[in-house]
Amino acid sequence: MPSRVLVAGIGNIFLGDDGFGVEVVGRLSGCKLPEGVEVVDFGIRGMDLAYALHDEYDLVVFVDATLRGGEPGTVYLIEPEIKEDGVVSLDTHGMDPVKVIRLSRVLGARPIRTLVVGCEPQVIPGGEGYDDMMMELSEPVRAAVEEAAKLVESLVTEVGTHKGPGKSAGFSTEWGVKS
């Protein structure tokens, strides 16, 4: 039986670089991916994502803008450790993926191996260079979309060929701050 993988694009397309995850899954939707891989643009629909995490996935790959202090456009691969304690709530105008995962577990979802393909934003809401309703990615983040899409493709292909990508010293466990 093929592995089941959810690739979840996260972000708000009206907030500049926060739309990175949505752009990447848009690019992936035209790619031929292994059987069992679902690519979904969740945007800021946290409740939809919380319920999707109840399905029997072997792996979930979040694609998201991720503040980590690197150069804008830097693509990260993160395997977060989700602590079971903490706030369980949703924001109707944004999405904090860690809170969504916690909520899904409170609602009965089993823990699923989760990876994050993140990108360091250049423009963040309220930050320098930000203008209300920015509907485009900054140049360095736009340039990172293809690299991130290829990384996701390699991850889901690796999952389809064996038990999945192994945890390595190159993985980080900190997700970063979500806008």
C-alpha atoms as a PDB file:
ATOM      1  CA  MET A   1       0.000   0.000   0.000  1.00  0.00           C
ATOM      2  CA  PRO A   2       1.483   3.418  -0.907  1.00  0.00           C
ATOM      3  CA  SER A   3       2.347   5.893   1.810  1.00  0.00           C
ATOM      4  CA  ARG A   4      -0.175   8.648   2.405  1.00  0.00           C
ATOM      5  CA  VAL A   5       1.338  12.109   2.499  1.00  0.00           C
ATOM      6  CA  LEU A   6      -0.331  15.476   2.962  1.00  0.00           C
ATOM      7  CA  VAL A   7       1.505  18.521   1.609  1.00  0.00           C
ATOM      8  CA  ALA A   8      -0.175  21.524   3.239  1.00  0.00           C
ATOM      9  CA  GLY A   9       0.428  25.020   1.895  1.00  0.00           C
ATOM     10  CA  ILE A  10      -0.006  27.619   4.621  1.00  0.00           C
ATOM     11  CA  GLY A  11      -0.149  31.384   4.420  1.00  0.00           C
ATOM     12  CA  ASN A  12      -2.087  34.501   3.583  1.00  0.00           C
ATOM     13  CA  ILE A  13      -1.683  35.654  -0.019  1.00  0.00           C
ATOM     14  CA  PHE A  14      -2.689  39.183   1.002  1.00  0.00           C
ATOM     15  CA  LEU A  15       0.329  39.528   3.311  1.00  0.00           C
ATOM     16  CA  GLY A  16       3.318  39.451   0.964  1.00  0.00           C
ATOM     17  CA  ASP A  17       5.846  36.749   1.769  1.00  0.00           C
ATOM     18  CA  ASP A  18       3.376  35.028   4.101  1.00  0.00           C
ATOM     19  CA  GLY A  19       1.851  33.606   0.887  1.00  0.00           C
ATOM     20  CA  PHE A  20       4.974  31.495   0.231  1.00  0.00           C
ATOM     21  CA  GLY A  21       3.365  28.151   1.161  1.00  0.00           C
ATOM     22  CA  VAL A  22       0.346  28.828  -1.035  1.00  0.00           C
ATOM     23  CA  GLU A  23       2.622  29.654  -3.984  1.00  0.00           C
ATOM     24  CA  VAL A  24       4.676  26.481  -3.555  1.00  0.00           C
ATOM     25  CA  VAL A  25       1.654  24.161  -3.408  1.00  0.00           C
ATOM     26  CA  GLY A  26       0.265  25.971  -6.450  1.00  0.00           C
ATOM     27  CA  ARG A  27       3.469  25.047  -8.284  1.00  0.00           C
ATOM     28  CA  LEU A  28       3.285  21.456  -7.000  1.00  0.00           C
ATOM     29  CA  SER A  29      -0.322  20.990  -8.076  1.00  0.00           C
ATOM     30  CA  GLY A  30       0.875  20.761 -11.686  1.00  0.00           C
ATOM     31  CA  CYS A  31       3.550  18.137 -10.910  1.00  0.00           C
ATOM     32  CA  LYS A  32       3.285  14.381 -11.158  1.00  0.00           C
ATOM     33  CA  LEU A  33       3.718  13.178  -7.603  1.00  0.00           C
ATOM     34  CA  PRO A  34       3.691   9.620  -6.238  1.00  0.00           C
ATOM     35  CA  GLU A  35       0.401   7.867  -5.572  1.00  0.00           C
ATOM     36  CA  GLY A  36      -0.924   8.700  -2.119  1.00  0.00           C
ATOM     37  CA  VAL A  37       0.364  12.299  -2.056  1.00  0.00           C
ATOM     38  CA  GLU A  38      -2.259  15.012  -1.591  1.00  0.00           C
ATOM     39  CA  VAL A  39      -1.320  18.663  -2.137  1.00  0.00           C
ATOM     40  CA  VAL A  40      -3.723  21.145  -0.527  1.00  0.00           C
ATOM     41  CA  ASP A  41      -3.733  24.939  -0.235  1.00  0.00           C
ATOM     42  CA  PHE A  42      -5.019  25.525   3.309  1.00  0.00           C
ATOM     43  CA  GLY A  43      -4.160  29.225   3.292  1.00  0.00           C
ATOM     44  CA  ILE A  44      -5.357  30.439   6.692  1.00  0.00           C
ATOM     45  CA  ARG A  45      -8.057  27.763   7.147  1.00  0.00           C
ATOM     46  CA  GLY A  46      -6.752  26.318  10.398  1.00  0.00           C
ATOM     47  CA  MET A  47      -9.905  24.390  11.302  1.00  0.00           C
ATOM     48  CA  ASP A  48      -9.918  22.636   7.917  1.00  0.00           C
ATOM     49  CA  LEU A  49      -6.291  21.643   8.462  1.00  0.00           C
ATOM     50  CA  ALA A  50      -6.997  20.459  12.028  1.00  0.00           C
ATOM     51  CA  TYR A  51      -9.669  18.088  10.718  1.00  0.00           C
ATOM     52  CA  ALA A  52      -7.507  16.969   7.763  1.00  0.00           C
ATOM     53  CA  LEU A  53      -4.893  15.839  10.297  1.00  0.00           C
ATOM     54  CA  HIS A  54      -7.392  13.195  11.465  1.00  0.00           C
ATOM     55  CA  ASP A  55      -6.832  11.223   8.256  1.00  0.00           C
ATOM     56  CA  GLU A  56      -4.398   8.311   8.245  1.00  0.00           C
ATOM     57  CA  TYR A  57      -1.333  10.076   6.834  1.00  0.00           C
ATOM     58  CA  ASP A  58       2.151   8.656   7.225  1.00  0.00           C
ATOM     59  CA  LEU A  59       3.702  12.105   6.818  1.00  0.00           C
ATOM     60  CA  VAL A  60       2.558  15.722   6.729  1.00  0.00           C
ATOM     61  CA  VAL A  61       4.720  18.344   5.024  1.00  0.00           C
ATOM     62  CA  PHE A  62       3.833  21.928   5.879  1.00  0.00           C
ATOM     63  CA  VAL A  63       5.066  24.590   3.474  1.00  0.00           C
ATOM     64  CA  ASP A  64       5.222  27.966   5.159  1.00  0.00           C
ATOM     65  CA  ALA A  65       7.056  31.265   5.555  1.00  0.00           C
ATOM     66  CA  THR A  66       9.299  30.823   8.591  1.00  0.00           C
ATOM     67  CA  LEU A  67      11.168  33.519  10.520  1.00  0.00           C
ATOM     68  CA  ARG A  68      14.470  32.030  11.647  1.00  0.00           C
ATOM     69  CA  GLY A  69      16.920  34.918  11.234  1.00  0.00           C
ATOM     70  CA  GLY A  70      18.547  33.796   7.978  1.00  0.00           C
ATOM     71  CA  GLU A  71      18.888  35.594   4.681  1.00  0.00           C
ATOM     72  CA  PRO A  72      15.544  36.252   2.952  1.00  0.00           C
ATOM     73  CA  GLY A  73      14.784  33.426   0.555  1.00  0.00           C
ATOM     74  CA  THR A  74      16.662  30.793   2.578  1.00  0.00           C
ATOM     75  CA  VAL A  75      14.803  27.477   2.397  1.00  0.00           C
ATOM     76  CA  TYR A  76      14.731  25.378   5.557  1.00  0.00           C
ATOM     77  CA  LEU A  77      13.837  21.778   6.284  1.00  0.00           C
ATOM     78  CA  ILE A  78      12.563  21.457   9.836  1.00  0.00           C
ATOM     79  CA  GLU A  79      11.301  18.479  11.810  1.00  0.00           C
ATOM     80  CA  PRO A  80       9.530  20.202  14.697  1.00  0.00           C
ATOM     81  CA  GLU A  81       8.944  18.696  18.087  1.00  0.00           C
ATOM     82  CA  ILE A  82       5.350  19.550  18.937  1.00  0.00           C
ATOM     83  CA  LYS A  83       4.847  19.747  22.671  1.00  0.00           C
ATOM     84  CA  GLU A  84       1.461  18.542  23.859  1.00  0.00           C
ATOM     85  CA  ASP A  85       1.055  21.435  26.286  1.00  0.00           C
ATOM     86  CA  GLY A  86       0.336  24.991  25.260  1.00  0.00           C
ATOM     87  CA  VAL A  87      -2.486  27.089  23.960  1.00  0.00           C
ATOM     88  CA  VAL A  88      -5.187  25.337  21.967  1.00  0.00           C
ATOM     89  CA  SER A  89      -6.927  28.013  19.920  1.00  0.00           C
ATOM     90  CA  LEU A  90      -7.275  29.300  16.385  1.00  0.00           C
ATOM     91  CA  ASP A  91      -6.992  32.754  14.852  1.00  0.00           C
ATOM     92  CA  THR A  92      -9.606  33.356  12.168  1.00  0.00           C
ATOM     93  CA  HIS A  93      -7.328  35.783  10.283  1.00  0.00           C
ATOM     94  CA  GLY A  94      -4.104  33.801  10.335  1.00  0.00           C
ATOM     95  CA  MET A  95      -2.770  30.381  11.138  1.00  0.00           C
ATOM     96  CA  ASP A  96      -0.276  29.200  13.701  1.00  0.00           C
ATOM     97  CA  PRO A  97       0.416  25.639  12.523  1.00  0.00           C
ATOM     98  CA  VAL A  98       1.654  24.484  15.937  1.00  0.00           C
ATOM     99  CA  LYS A  99      -1.667  25.526  17.508  1.00  0.00           C
ATOM    100  CA  VAL A 100      -3.511  23.743  14.695  1.00  0.00           C
ATOM    101  CA  ILE A 101      -1.587  20.537  15.370  1.00  0.00           C
ATOM    102  CA  ARG A 102      -2.308  20.811  19.106  1.00  0.00           C
ATOM    103  CA  LEU A 103      -5.998  21.397  18.394  1.00  0.00           C
ATOM    104  CA  SER A 104      -6.155  18.395  16.060  1.00  0.00           C
ATOM    105  CA  ARG A 105      -4.694  16.208  18.813  1.00  0.00           C
ATOM    106  CA  VAL A 106      -7.160  17.536  21.407  1.00  0.00           C
ATOM    107  CA  LEU A 107      -9.892  16.619  18.912  1.00  0.00           C
ATOM    108  CA  GLY A 108      -8.538  13.070  18.714  1.00  0.00           C
ATOM    109  CA  ALA A 109      -5.976  13.018  15.894  1.00  0.00           C
ATOM    110  CA  ARG A 110      -2.978  10.763  16.385  1.00  0.00           C
ATOM    111  CA  PRO A 111       0.508  12.284  16.164  1.00  0.00           C
ATOM    112  CA  ILE A 112       1.789  12.235  12.578  1.00  0.00           C
ATOM    113  CA  ARG A 113       5.391  12.710  11.514  1.00  0.00           C
ATOM    114  CA  THR A 114       5.597  16.327  10.438  1.00  0.00           C
ATOM    115  CA  LEU A 115       8.185  18.146   8.352  1.00  0.00           C
ATOM    116  CA  VAL A 116       8.237  21.826   7.479  1.00  0.00           C
ATOM    117  CA  VAL A 117       9.657  23.257   4.287  1.00  0.00           C
ATOM    118  CA  GLY A 118      10.018  26.874   5.269  1.00  0.00           C
ATOM    119  CA  CYS A 119      11.376  30.014   3.688  1.00  0.00           C
ATOM    120  CA  GLU A 120      12.860  33.051   5.394  1.00  0.00           C
ATOM    121  CA  PRO A 121      10.615  36.010   4.467  1.00  0.00           C
ATOM    122  CA  GLN A 122      11.973  39.394   3.474  1.00  0.00           C
ATOM    123  CA  VAL A 123       8.767  41.291   4.064  1.00  0.00           C
ATOM    124  CA  ILE A 124       6.673  40.499   7.124  1.00  0.00           C
ATOM    125  CA  PRO A 125       3.372  42.091   8.164  1.00  0.00           C
ATOM    126  CA  GLY A 126       4.067  45.258  10.127  1.00  0.00           C
ATOM    127  CA  GLY A 127       7.775  45.120   9.285  1.00  0.00           C
ATOM    128  CA  GLU A 128       9.991  47.294   7.128  1.00  0.00           C
ATOM    129  CA  GLY A 129       8.840  47.500   3.514  1.00  0.00           C
ATOM    130  CA  TYR A 130       5.391  46.153   4.326  1.00  0.00           C
ATOM    131  CA  ASP A 131       2.353  47.757   2.756  1.00  0.00           C
ATOM    132  CA  ASP A 132      -1.217  46.668   3.537  1.00  0.00           C
ATOM    133  CA  MET A 133      -2.571  44.091   1.117  1.00  0.00           C
ATOM    134  CA  MET A 134       0.724  43.137  -0.535  1.00  0.00           C
ATOM    135  CA  MET A 135      -0.348  40.405  -2.915  1.00  0.00           C
ATOM    136  CA  GLU A 136       3.069  39.400  -4.196  1.00  0.00           C
ATOM    137  CA  LEU A 137       6.156  37.728  -2.851  1.00  0.00           C
ATOM    138  CA  SER A 138       9.404  39.643  -2.472  1.00  0.00           C
ATOM    139  CA  GLU A 139      12.077  38.821  -5.044  1.00  0.00           C
ATOM    140  CA  PRO A 140      14.196  36.509  -2.823  1.00  0.00           C
ATOM    141  CA  VAL A 141      11.138  34.579  -1.638  1.00  0.00           C
ATOM    142  CA  ARG A 142       9.734  34.304  -5.167  1.00  0.00           C
ATOM    143  CA  ALA A 143      13.122  32.920  -6.263  1.00  0.00           C
ATOM    144  CA  ALA A 144      12.952  30.282  -3.489  1.00  0.00           C
ATOM    145  CA  VAL A 145       9.599  28.837  -4.624  1.00  0.00           C
ATOM    146  CA  GLU A 146      11.168  26.490  -7.183  1.00  0.00           C
ATOM    147  CA  GLU A 147      13.827  25.245  -4.734  1.00  0.00           C
ATOM    148  CA  ALA A 148      11.152  24.564  -2.118  1.00  0.00           C
ATOM    149  CA  ALA A 149       8.922  22.764  -4.626  1.00  0.00           C
ATOM    150  CA  LYS A 150      11.839  20.518  -5.627  1.00  0.00           C
ATOM    151  CA  LEU A 151      12.608  19.800  -1.972  1.00  0.00           C
ATOM    152  CA  VAL A 152       8.986  18.793  -1.331  1.00  0.00           C
ATOM    153  CA  GLU A 153       9.012  16.598  -4.449  1.00  0.00           C
ATOM    154  CA  SER A 154      12.154  14.825  -3.256  1.00  0.00           C
ATOM    155  CA  LEU A 155      10.693  14.313   0.239  1.00  0.00           C
ATOM    156  CA  VAL A 156       7.435  12.789  -1.001  1.00  0.00           C
ATOM    157  CA  THR A 157       9.246  10.643  -3.553  1.00  0.00           C
ATOM    158  CA  GLU A 158      11.569   9.363  -0.820  1.00  0.00           C
ATOM    159  CA  VAL A 159       8.548   8.508   1.354  1.00  0.00           C
ATOM    160  CA  GLY A 160       7.025   6.568  -1.534  1.00  0.00           C
ATOM    161  CA  THR A 161      10.154   4.461  -2.026  1.00  0.00           C
ATOM    162  CA  HIS A 162      10.715   3.444   1.617  1.00  0.00           C
ATOM    163  CA  LYS A 163       9.799   4.440   5.137  1.00  0.00           C
ATOM    164  CA  GLY A 164      10.489   8.099   4.446  1.00  0.00           C
ATOM    165  CA  PRO A 165      13.218  10.626   4.990  1.00  0.00           C
ATOM    166  CA  GLY A 166      15.359   9.776   7.964  1.00  0.00           C
ATOM    167  CA  LYS A 167      15.896  12.229  10.752  1.00  0.00           C
ATOM    168  CA  SER A 168      19.367  13.657  10.399  1.00  0.00           C
ATOM    169  CA  ALA A 169      21.583  16.128  12.171  1.00  0.00           C
ATOM    170  CA  GLY A 170      20.626  18.637   9.465  1.00  0.00           C
ATOM    171  CA  PHE A 171      17.055  18.850  10.734  1.00  0.00           C
ATOM    172  CA  SER A 172      16.074  21.623  13.087  1.00  0.00           C
ATOM    173  CA  THR A 173      13.336  21.215  15.657  1.00  0.00           C
ATOM    174  CA  GLU A 174      12.309  24.863  15.957  1.00  0.00           C
ATOM    175  CA  TRP A 175       9.573  26.016  13.626  1.00  0.00           C
ATOM    176  CA  GLY A 176      10.018  29.732  14.082  1.00  0.00           C
ATOM    177  CA  VAL A 177       7.519  32.527  14.439  1.00  0.00           C
ATOM    178  CA  LYS A 178       4.373  32.516  12.311  1.00  0.00           C
ATOM    179  CA  SER A 179       2.740  35.778  11.368  1.00  0.00           C
END
